[in-house]
C-alpha atoms as a PDB file:
ATOM      1  CA  ASN A   1      -5.674  -5.014  13.208  1.00  0.00           C
ATOM      2  CA  LYS A   2      -5.317  -1.366  14.171  1.00  0.00           C
ATOM      3  CA  THR A   3      -8.249   1.028  14.379  1.00  0.00           C
ATOM      4  CA  ASN A   4      -8.256   4.636  13.199  1.00  0.00           C
ATOM      5  CA  GLU A   5      -5.350   4.112  10.815  1.00  0.00           C
ATOM      6  CA  THR A   6      -7.137   6.027   8.039  1.00  0.00           C
ATOM      7  CA  PHE A   7      -9.615   8.918   7.806  1.00  0.00           C
ATOM      8  CA  LYS A   8     -12.770   8.597   5.713  1.00  0.00           C
ATOM      9  CA  PRO A   9     -16.524   9.017   5.980  1.00  0.00           C
ATOM     10  CA  TYR A  10     -18.398   5.864   6.919  1.00  0.00           C
ATOM     11  CA  SER A  11     -21.765   5.132   5.299  1.00  0.00           C
ATOM     12  CA  HIS A  12     -23.393   2.399   3.229  1.00  0.00           C
ATOM     13  CA  PHE A  13     -25.317   5.006   1.270  1.00  0.00           C
ATOM     14  CA  ILE A  14     -22.525   7.059  -0.447  1.00  0.00           C
ATOM     15  CA  ASP A  15     -22.831   7.074  -4.223  1.00  0.00           C
ATOM     16  CA  GLU A  16     -20.202   9.782  -4.962  1.00  0.00           C
ATOM     17  CA  MET A  17     -17.619  11.499  -2.759  1.00  0.00           C
ATOM     18  CA  TYR A  18     -15.041  14.257  -2.944  1.00  0.00           C
ATOM     19  CA  MET A  19     -12.654  14.641   0.000  1.00  0.00           C
ATOM     20  CA  VAL A  20      -9.718  16.988   0.428  1.00  0.00           C
ATOM     21  CA  ILE A  21      -7.276  17.432   3.356  1.00  0.00           C
ATOM     22  CA  TYR A  22      -5.231  20.622   3.964  1.00  0.00           C
ATOM     23  CA  ASN A  23      -2.370  21.355   6.303  1.00  0.00           C
ATOM     24  CA  ARG A  24      -2.406  24.389   8.556  1.00  0.00           C
ATOM     25  CA  TRP A  25      -0.908  26.597   5.842  1.00  0.00           C
ATOM     26  CA  GLY A  26      -3.691  25.735   3.354  1.00  0.00           C
ATOM     27  CA  GLN A  27      -1.610  23.364   1.255  1.00  0.00           C
ATOM     28  CA  GLU A  28      -3.544  20.401  -0.146  1.00  0.00           C
ATOM     29  CA  VAL A  29      -1.996  17.196   1.173  1.00  0.00           C
ATOM     30  CA  PHE A  30      -4.615  14.722  -0.077  1.00  0.00           C
ATOM     31  CA  SER A  31      -7.673  14.545  -2.281  1.00  0.00           C
ATOM     32  CA  THR A  32      -9.834  11.807  -3.765  1.00  0.00           C
ATOM     33  CA  ASN A  33     -12.974  11.336  -5.835  1.00  0.00           C
ATOM     34  CA  GLU A  34     -13.247   7.671  -4.955  1.00  0.00           C
ATOM     35  CA  LYS A  35     -16.326   6.890  -2.919  1.00  0.00           C
ATOM     36  CA  ASN A  36     -14.213   4.499  -0.768  1.00  0.00           C
ATOM     37  CA  GLY A  37     -11.194   6.795  -0.683  1.00  0.00           C
ATOM     38  CA  GLU A  38      -9.320   7.253   2.625  1.00  0.00           C
ATOM     39  CA  TRP A  39      -6.416   9.287   3.895  1.00  0.00           C
ATOM     40  CA  ASP A  40      -3.601   7.468   5.661  1.00  0.00           C
ATOM     41  CA  GLY A  41      -1.792  10.498   7.096  1.00  0.00           C
ATOM     42  CA  THR A  42       0.830  10.732   4.309  1.00  0.00           C
ATOM     43  CA  PHE A  43       1.749  13.273   1.659  1.00  0.00           C
ATOM     44  CA  LYS A  44       3.731  12.181  -1.425  1.00  0.00           C
ATOM     45  CA  GLY A  45       4.442   8.878   0.265  1.00  0.00           C
ATOM     46  CA  GLN A  46       5.917  10.401   3.423  1.00  0.00           C
ATOM     47  CA  ASP A  47       4.398  10.327   6.899  1.00  0.00           C
ATOM     48  CA  LEU A  48       3.130  13.740   7.948  1.00  0.00           C
ATOM     49  CA  ALA A  49       3.906  15.225  11.325  1.00  0.00           C
ATOM     50  CA  PRO A  50       1.355  15.005  14.121  1.00  0.00           C
ATOM     51  CA  ASP A  51      -0.802  18.058  13.752  1.00  0.00           C
ATOM     52  CA  SER A  52      -4.337  19.279  13.105  1.00  0.00           C
ATOM     53  CA  TYR A  53      -5.439  19.077   9.445  1.00  0.00           C
ATOM     54  CA  ALA A  54      -8.540  20.619   7.838  1.00  0.00           C
ATOM     55  CA  PHE A  55     -10.941  18.500   5.806  1.00  0.00           C
ATOM     56  CA  TYR A  56     -13.719  19.169   3.308  1.00  0.00           C
ATOM     57  CA  ILE A  57     -16.026  16.316   2.316  1.00  0.00           C
ATOM     58  CA  LYS A  58     -18.876  16.442  -0.151  1.00  0.00           C
ATOM     59  CA  VAL A  59     -20.989  13.308  -0.703  1.00  0.00           C
ATOM     60  CA  ARG A  60     -23.934  12.433  -2.841  1.00  0.00           C
ATOM     61  CA  CYS A  61     -25.991   9.629  -1.336  1.00  0.00           C
ATOM     62  CA  ILE A  62     -27.894   6.920  -3.237  1.00  0.00           C
ATOM     63  CA  ASN A  63     -31.082   8.958  -2.754  1.00  0.00           C
ATOM     64  CA  ALA A  64     -29.410  11.902  -4.608  1.00  0.00           C
ATOM     65  CA  GLU A  65     -29.141  14.060  -1.482  1.00  0.00           C
ATOM     66  CA  GLU A  66     -25.847  15.947  -1.048  1.00  0.00           C
ATOM     67  CA  TYR A  67     -24.039  16.615   2.202  1.00  0.00           C
ATOM     68  CA  ILE A  68     -21.015  18.805   2.895  1.00  0.00           C
ATOM     69  CA  LYS A  69     -18.904  18.543   6.025  1.00  0.00           C
ATOM     70  CA  ARG A  70     -15.908  20.714   7.017  1.00  0.00           C
ATOM     71  CA  GLY A  71     -13.788  20.335  10.097  1.00  0.00           C
ATOM     72  CA  ASN A  72     -10.470  19.284  11.517  1.00  0.00           C
ATOM     73  CA  VAL A  73      -8.832  15.930  12.063  1.00  0.00           C
ATOM     74  CA  THR A  74      -5.915  15.459  14.417  1.00  0.00           C
ATOM     75  CA  LEU A  75      -3.105  13.213  13.284  1.00  0.00           C
ATOM     76  CA  ILE A  76      -1.426  11.423  16.138  1.00  0.00           C
ATOM     77  CA  ARG A  77       1.535   9.081  15.721  1.00  0.00           C
END
C-alpha cells in the first residue's frame, strides 16, 4: 500500500466538493464534482511529468459552511 498516490482533501465533513487541477500554462488537467474525487497525476489516461500543478478546491461541509483553498501540489514520480 503506497501513500500519497492521489491528491484530494481529507475530511469526514465534506458534503459537496469541486476540485480542479491546472498545469503551469493554465490548462485544466483534472476536475471533479465528486465529494470523494481524487487526482492520480494523470491527464487523459497518461502520466503527467513531474512538475508543480495549481489546484482550486471548493467544499461545502455538512454544516453548510463553504471553504475555498488554492495552492500548488508537486507531482513527483
